[in-house]
Amino acid sequence: MKKIFAFLFLATLVLAGCKAVKDSNSLTFNPELKTSLENAHFKFEAKEIQPLTTTALTAVTNSGLIPPGSSPSRIVINGGSNFLIVKNDTLTVDLPYYGERQFGGAYNAETAGIKVEKALSTINLEYVPKKNTFVFSFKANGVDGEGFDFRGTVFTNGNANLQVYSSYRNTIAYSGKIDTLDE
């Protein structure tokens, strides 16, 4: 008899736990954010950086040159220049960069991060129903001629991930929030 009660109690706990799981497809995008993405009129603000972890970056981290609470694979950023704006077919990017430069060019205080100020000719936007996300991508050249490929993923709650592939530097990723822009 005790075994039956123990089995029923355990089965009840399992079923109650299963009920708490929420279907991710039931989440929907904020209509303003969805429209903003579809019209290519949005702002991404980075909160964390995930650089490609190399021996050199680990040495810099160990020397104490990155913000407190950070590690070589995750750097927390607060304040400063950390945004990507797409507005009226214009792209403005000012993101910090932690990593290694692989090809040519000198480090310059003006272009140490990822800086782009250009007209944006095309932006690819795709809705992925299976994951309930939007994915955007585009290419642009930086202020010093460096080529960048940007690829972002936007989730229903406004969180976003952005990967930046460079012609001169190691790949870097950013996590943050995406929001609509005021007119």
C-alpha atoms as a PDB file:
ATOM      1  CA  MET A   1       0.000   0.000   0.000  1.00  0.00           C
ATOM      2  CA  LYS A   2       2.854   2.375   0.828  1.00  0.00           C
ATOM      3  CA  LYS A   3       4.380   1.710  -2.589  1.00  0.00           C
ATOM      4  CA  ILE A   4       1.128   2.722  -4.316  1.00  0.00           C
ATOM      5  CA  PHE A   5       0.927   6.010  -2.371  1.00  0.00           C
ATOM      6  CA  ALA A   6       4.604   6.733  -3.069  1.00  0.00           C
ATOM      7  CA  PHE A   7       4.051   6.044  -6.796  1.00  0.00           C
ATOM      8  CA  LEU A   8       0.931   8.274  -6.906  1.00  0.00           C
ATOM      9  CA  PHE A   9       2.754  11.062  -5.072  1.00  0.00           C
ATOM     10  CA  LEU A  10       5.715  10.858  -7.473  1.00  0.00           C
ATOM     11  CA  ALA A  11       3.409  10.769 -10.520  1.00  0.00           C
ATOM     12  CA  THR A  12       1.564  13.861  -9.236  1.00  0.00           C
ATOM     13  CA  LEU A  13       4.849  15.754  -8.846  1.00  0.00           C
ATOM     14  CA  VAL A  14       5.968  14.811 -12.370  1.00  0.00           C
ATOM     15  CA  LEU A  15       2.643  15.856 -13.917  1.00  0.00           C
ATOM     16  CA  ALA A  16       2.606  19.150 -11.987  1.00  0.00           C
ATOM     17  CA  GLY A  17       6.154  19.863 -13.193  1.00  0.00           C
ATOM     18  CA  CYS A  18       5.197  19.190 -16.796  1.00  0.00           C
ATOM     19  CA  LYS A  19       2.297  21.641 -16.576  1.00  0.00           C
ATOM     20  CA  ALA A  20       4.677  24.450 -15.612  1.00  0.00           C
ATOM     21  CA  VAL A  21       6.571  24.200 -18.913  1.00  0.00           C
ATOM     22  CA  LYS A  22       5.470  27.024 -21.204  1.00  0.00           C
ATOM     23  CA  ASP A  23       5.175  26.627 -24.955  1.00  0.00           C
ATOM     24  CA  SER A  24       7.734  29.022 -26.456  1.00  0.00           C
ATOM     25  CA  ASN A  25       5.624  29.398 -29.606  1.00  0.00           C
ATOM     26  CA  SER A  26       2.859  31.023 -27.554  1.00  0.00           C
ATOM     27  CA  LEU A  27       5.071  34.104 -27.083  1.00  0.00           C
ATOM     28  CA  THR A  28       4.530  36.870 -29.603  1.00  0.00           C
ATOM     29  CA  PHE A  29       6.499  39.913 -30.633  1.00  0.00           C
ATOM     30  CA  ASN A  30       5.539  43.356 -29.435  1.00  0.00           C
ATOM     31  CA  PRO A  31       3.737  44.786 -32.509  1.00  0.00           C
ATOM     32  CA  GLU A  32       5.793  48.003 -32.396  1.00  0.00           C
ATOM     33  CA  LEU A  33       9.061  46.064 -32.308  1.00  0.00           C
ATOM     34  CA  LYS A  34       7.935  43.788 -35.148  1.00  0.00           C
ATOM     35  CA  THR A  35       6.990  46.801 -37.297  1.00  0.00           C
ATOM     36  CA  SER A  36      10.257  48.527 -36.412  1.00  0.00           C
ATOM     37  CA  LEU A  37      12.250  45.479 -37.526  1.00  0.00           C
ATOM     38  CA  GLU A  38      10.254  45.086 -40.730  1.00  0.00           C
ATOM     39  CA  ASN A  39      10.803  48.788 -41.547  1.00  0.00           C
ATOM     40  CA  ALA A  40      14.535  48.563 -40.685  1.00  0.00           C
ATOM     41  CA  HIS A  41      14.187  51.294 -38.077  1.00  0.00           C
ATOM     42  CA  PHE A  42      15.690  50.062 -34.788  1.00  0.00           C
ATOM     43  CA  LYS A  43      18.479  50.391 -32.225  1.00  0.00           C
ATOM     44  CA  PHE A  44      20.565  47.588 -30.722  1.00  0.00           C
ATOM     45  CA  GLU A  45      22.317  48.390 -27.447  1.00  0.00           C
ATOM     46  CA  ALA A  46      25.014  45.963 -26.324  1.00  0.00           C
ATOM     47  CA  LYS A  47      25.282  44.934 -22.671  1.00  0.00           C
ATOM     48  CA  GLU A  48      27.819  42.083 -22.953  1.00  0.00           C
ATOM     49  CA  ILE A  49      30.597  41.140 -25.353  1.00  0.00           C
ATOM     50  CA  GLN A  50      31.645  37.587 -26.189  1.00  0.00           C
ATOM     51  CA  PRO A  51      35.029  37.904 -27.919  1.00  0.00           C
ATOM     52  CA  LEU A  52      36.889  35.018 -29.472  1.00  0.00           C
ATOM     53  CA  THR A  53      38.957  33.783 -26.519  1.00  0.00           C
ATOM     54  CA  THR A  54      42.623  33.611 -27.424  1.00  0.00           C
ATOM     55  CA  THR A  55      45.825  33.373 -25.402  1.00  0.00           C
ATOM     56  CA  ALA A  56      46.497  37.084 -25.933  1.00  0.00           C
ATOM     57  CA  LEU A  57      43.010  38.084 -24.741  1.00  0.00           C
ATOM     58  CA  THR A  58      43.377  35.867 -21.681  1.00  0.00           C
ATOM     59  CA  ALA A  59      46.674  37.606 -20.865  1.00  0.00           C
ATOM     60  CA  VAL A  60      44.992  41.013 -21.150  1.00  0.00           C
ATOM     61  CA  THR A  61      42.184  39.794 -18.894  1.00  0.00           C
ATOM     62  CA  ASN A  62      44.647  38.508 -16.299  1.00  0.00           C
ATOM     63  CA  SER A  63      46.406  41.888 -16.271  1.00  0.00           C
ATOM     64  CA  GLY A  64      43.197  43.553 -15.043  1.00  0.00           C
ATOM     65  CA  LEU A  65      42.493  45.653 -18.147  1.00  0.00           C
ATOM     66  CA  ILE A  66      38.861  44.604 -18.563  1.00  0.00           C
ATOM     67  CA  PRO A  67      35.893  45.691 -16.415  1.00  0.00           C
ATOM     68  CA  PRO A  68      35.332  43.994 -13.047  1.00  0.00           C
ATOM     69  CA  GLY A  69      33.051  40.940 -13.151  1.00  0.00           C
ATOM     70  CA  SER A  70      34.206  40.015 -16.638  1.00  0.00           C
ATOM     71  CA  SER A  71      36.077  36.998 -17.984  1.00  0.00           C
ATOM     72  CA  PRO A  72      37.978  36.380 -21.227  1.00  0.00           C
ATOM     73  CA  SER A  73      34.845  34.904 -22.812  1.00  0.00           C
ATOM     74  CA  ARG A  74      32.280  37.390 -21.434  1.00  0.00           C
ATOM     75  CA  ILE A  75      32.914  41.087 -20.927  1.00  0.00           C
ATOM     76  CA  VAL A  76      30.258  43.240 -19.265  1.00  0.00           C
ATOM     77  CA  ILE A  77      29.956  46.765 -20.658  1.00  0.00           C
ATOM     78  CA  ASN A  78      28.106  49.676 -19.110  1.00  0.00           C
ATOM     79  CA  GLY A  79      27.730  53.121 -20.608  1.00  0.00           C
ATOM     80  CA  GLY A  80      29.916  54.475 -23.365  1.00  0.00           C
ATOM     81  CA  SER A  81      29.584  53.706 -27.043  1.00  0.00           C
ATOM     82  CA  ASN A  82      27.842  50.393 -27.521  1.00  0.00           C
ATOM     83  CA  PHE A  83      25.125  50.669 -30.151  1.00  0.00           C
ATOM     84  CA  LEU A  84      24.016  49.824 -33.680  1.00  0.00           C
ATOM     85  CA  ILE A  85      21.309  52.024 -35.205  1.00  0.00           C
ATOM     86  CA  VAL A  86      19.448  51.448 -38.463  1.00  0.00           C
ATOM     87  CA  LYS A  87      17.362  54.535 -39.249  1.00  0.00           C
ATOM     88  CA  ASN A  88      16.058  55.842 -42.566  1.00  0.00           C
ATOM     89  CA  ASP A  89      18.402  53.605 -44.583  1.00  0.00           C
ATOM     90  CA  THR A  90      21.390  54.886 -42.594  1.00  0.00           C
ATOM     91  CA  LEU A  91      23.613  52.651 -40.497  1.00  0.00           C
ATOM     92  CA  THR A  92      25.471  54.011 -37.470  1.00  0.00           C
ATOM     93  CA  VAL A  93      27.598  51.600 -35.439  1.00  0.00           C
ATOM     94  CA  ASP A  94      29.790  52.383 -32.456  1.00  0.00           C
ATOM     95  CA  LEU A  95      30.703  49.178 -30.620  1.00  0.00           C
ATOM     96  CA  PRO A  96      33.748  48.439 -28.458  1.00  0.00           C
ATOM     97  CA  TYR A  97      36.080  45.704 -29.641  1.00  0.00           C
ATOM     98  CA  TYR A  98      38.065  43.243 -27.526  1.00  0.00           C
ATOM     99  CA  GLY A  99      40.174  40.841 -29.505  1.00  0.00           C
ATOM    100  CA  GLU A 100      43.000  40.535 -31.992  1.00  0.00           C
ATOM    101  CA  ARG A 101      43.558  42.330 -35.252  1.00  0.00           C
ATOM    102  CA  GLN A 102      44.740  39.833 -37.863  1.00  0.00           C
ATOM    103  CA  PHE A 103      45.566  41.950 -40.910  1.00  0.00           C
ATOM    104  CA  GLY A 104      47.105  45.349 -41.601  1.00  0.00           C
ATOM    105  CA  GLY A 105      46.244  48.753 -40.305  1.00  0.00           C
ATOM    106  CA  ALA A 106      47.278  50.488 -37.156  1.00  0.00           C
ATOM    107  CA  TYR A 107      45.305  50.799 -33.960  1.00  0.00           C
ATOM    108  CA  ASN A 108      43.837  54.246 -33.936  1.00  0.00           C
ATOM    109  CA  ALA A 109      41.958  55.837 -31.043  1.00  0.00           C
ATOM    110  CA  GLU A 110      39.251  56.913 -33.503  1.00  0.00           C
ATOM    111  CA  THR A 111      38.726  53.440 -34.964  1.00  0.00           C
ATOM    112  CA  ALA A 112      39.739  51.097 -32.131  1.00  0.00           C
ATOM    113  CA  GLY A 113      36.182  49.813 -31.875  1.00  0.00           C
ATOM    114  CA  ILE A 114      33.779  48.939 -34.642  1.00  0.00           C
ATOM    115  CA  LYS A 115      32.655  52.204 -36.220  1.00  0.00           C
ATOM    116  CA  VAL A 116      30.418  52.546 -39.252  1.00  0.00           C
ATOM    117  CA  GLU A 117      28.566  55.594 -40.584  1.00  0.00           C
ATOM    118  CA  LYS A 118      27.122  54.741 -43.992  1.00  0.00           C
ATOM    119  CA  ALA A 119      24.019  54.576 -46.088  1.00  0.00           C
ATOM    120  CA  LEU A 120      22.669  51.052 -45.899  1.00  0.00           C
ATOM    121  CA  SER A 121      21.760  49.702 -49.317  1.00  0.00           C
ATOM    122  CA  THR A 122      20.240  46.361 -48.308  1.00  0.00           C
ATOM    123  CA  ILE A 123      19.247  44.620 -45.124  1.00  0.00           C
ATOM    124  CA  ASN A 124      18.040  41.036 -45.089  1.00  0.00           C
ATOM    125  CA  LEU A 125      15.306  40.300 -42.556  1.00  0.00           C
ATOM    126  CA  GLU A 126      13.838  36.854 -42.041  1.00  0.00           C
ATOM    127  CA  TYR A 127      11.266  35.553 -39.581  1.00  0.00           C
ATOM    128  CA  VAL A 128      12.072  32.040 -38.313  1.00  0.00           C
ATOM    129  CA  PRO A 129       8.713  30.589 -37.176  1.00  0.00           C
ATOM    130  CA  LYS A 130      10.207  27.416 -35.686  1.00  0.00           C
ATOM    131  CA  LYS A 131      12.273  29.502 -33.230  1.00  0.00           C
ATOM    132  CA  ASN A 132       9.911  32.499 -33.149  1.00  0.00           C
ATOM    133  CA  THR A 133      12.781  34.903 -33.879  1.00  0.00           C
ATOM    134  CA  PHE A 134      13.760  37.497 -36.436  1.00  0.00           C
ATOM    135  CA  VAL A 135      17.203  37.296 -38.066  1.00  0.00           C
ATOM    136  CA  PHE A 136      18.725  40.298 -39.806  1.00  0.00           C
ATOM    137  CA  SER A 137      21.971  40.594 -41.735  1.00  0.00           C
ATOM    138  CA  PHE A 138      23.837  43.149 -43.811  1.00  0.00           C
ATOM    139  CA  LYS A 139      27.334  44.157 -44.896  1.00  0.00           C
ATOM    140  CA  ALA A 140      29.061  47.496 -44.450  1.00  0.00           C
ATOM    141  CA  ASN A 141      32.501  49.069 -44.522  1.00  0.00           C
ATOM    142  CA  GLY A 142      33.886  50.833 -41.481  1.00  0.00           C
ATOM    143  CA  VAL A 143      35.234  54.389 -41.341  1.00  0.00           C
ATOM    144  CA  ASP A 144      38.732  53.068 -42.129  1.00  0.00           C
ATOM    145  CA  GLY A 145      37.638  50.768 -45.007  1.00  0.00           C
ATOM    146  CA  GLU A 146      37.457  47.575 -42.953  1.00  0.00           C
ATOM    147  CA  GLY A 147      34.674  45.248 -44.130  1.00  0.00           C
ATOM    148  CA  PHE A 148      32.073  43.962 -41.682  1.00  0.00           C
ATOM    149  CA  ASP A 149      29.309  41.365 -41.915  1.00  0.00           C
ATOM    150  CA  PHE A 150      26.620  41.857 -39.271  1.00  0.00           C
ATOM    151  CA  ARG A 151      24.151  39.134 -38.290  1.00  0.00           C
ATOM    152  CA  GLY A 152      21.605  39.591 -35.521  1.00  0.00           C
ATOM    153  CA  THR A 153      18.955  37.448 -33.887  1.00  0.00           C
ATOM    154  CA  VAL A 154      16.005  39.121 -32.146  1.00  0.00           C
ATOM    155  CA  PHE A 155      13.843  37.293 -29.604  1.00  0.00           C
ATOM    156  CA  THR A 156      10.231  38.016 -28.603  1.00  0.00           C
ATOM    157  CA  ASN A 157      11.223  39.776 -25.365  1.00  0.00           C
ATOM    158  CA  GLY A 158      13.477  42.281 -27.182  1.00  0.00           C
ATOM    159  CA  ASN A 159      16.734  40.564 -26.274  1.00  0.00           C
ATOM    160  CA  ALA A 160      19.107  40.233 -29.192  1.00  0.00           C
ATOM    161  CA  ASN A 161      22.452  38.729 -30.168  1.00  0.00           C
ATOM    162  CA  LEU A 162      24.709  40.325 -32.758  1.00  0.00           C
ATOM    163  CA  GLN A 163      27.693  38.654 -34.439  1.00  0.00           C
ATOM    164  CA  VAL A 164      30.227  40.775 -36.289  1.00  0.00           C
ATOM    165  CA  TYR A 165      32.594  39.221 -38.817  1.00  0.00           C
ATOM    166  CA  SER A 166      35.488  41.461 -39.848  1.00  0.00           C
ATOM    167  CA  SER A 167      37.944  41.453 -42.724  1.00  0.00           C
ATOM    168  CA  TYR A 168      40.791  42.460 -40.356  1.00  0.00           C
ATOM    169  CA  ARG A 169      39.876  41.170 -36.890  1.00  0.00           C
ATOM    170  CA  ASN A 170      38.655  38.078 -35.089  1.00  0.00           C
ATOM    171  CA  THR A 171      34.903  37.499 -34.919  1.00  0.00           C
ATOM    172  CA  ILE A 172      33.080  39.016 -31.955  1.00  0.00           C
ATOM    173  CA  ALA A 173      29.544  38.690 -30.579  1.00  0.00           C
ATOM    174  CA  TYR A 174      27.390  41.056 -28.549  1.00  0.00           C
ATOM    175  CA  SER A 175      24.302  40.467 -26.387  1.00  0.00           C
ATOM    176  CA  GLY A 176      21.862  43.201 -25.525  1.00  0.00           C
ATOM    177  CA  LYS A 177      18.460  44.701 -26.211  1.00  0.00           C
ATOM    178  CA  ILE A 178      16.837  45.864 -29.401  1.00  0.00           C
ATOM    179  CA  ASP A 179      14.248  48.605 -29.367  1.00  0.00           C
ATOM    180  CA  THR A 180      12.195  50.852 -31.594  1.00  0.00           C
ATOM    181  CA  LEU A 181      13.412  54.327 -32.470  1.00  0.00           C
ATOM    182  CA  ASP A 182      11.532  57.555 -31.896  1.00  0.00           C
ATOM    183  CA  GLU A 183      10.726  59.365 -35.119  1.00  0.00           C
END
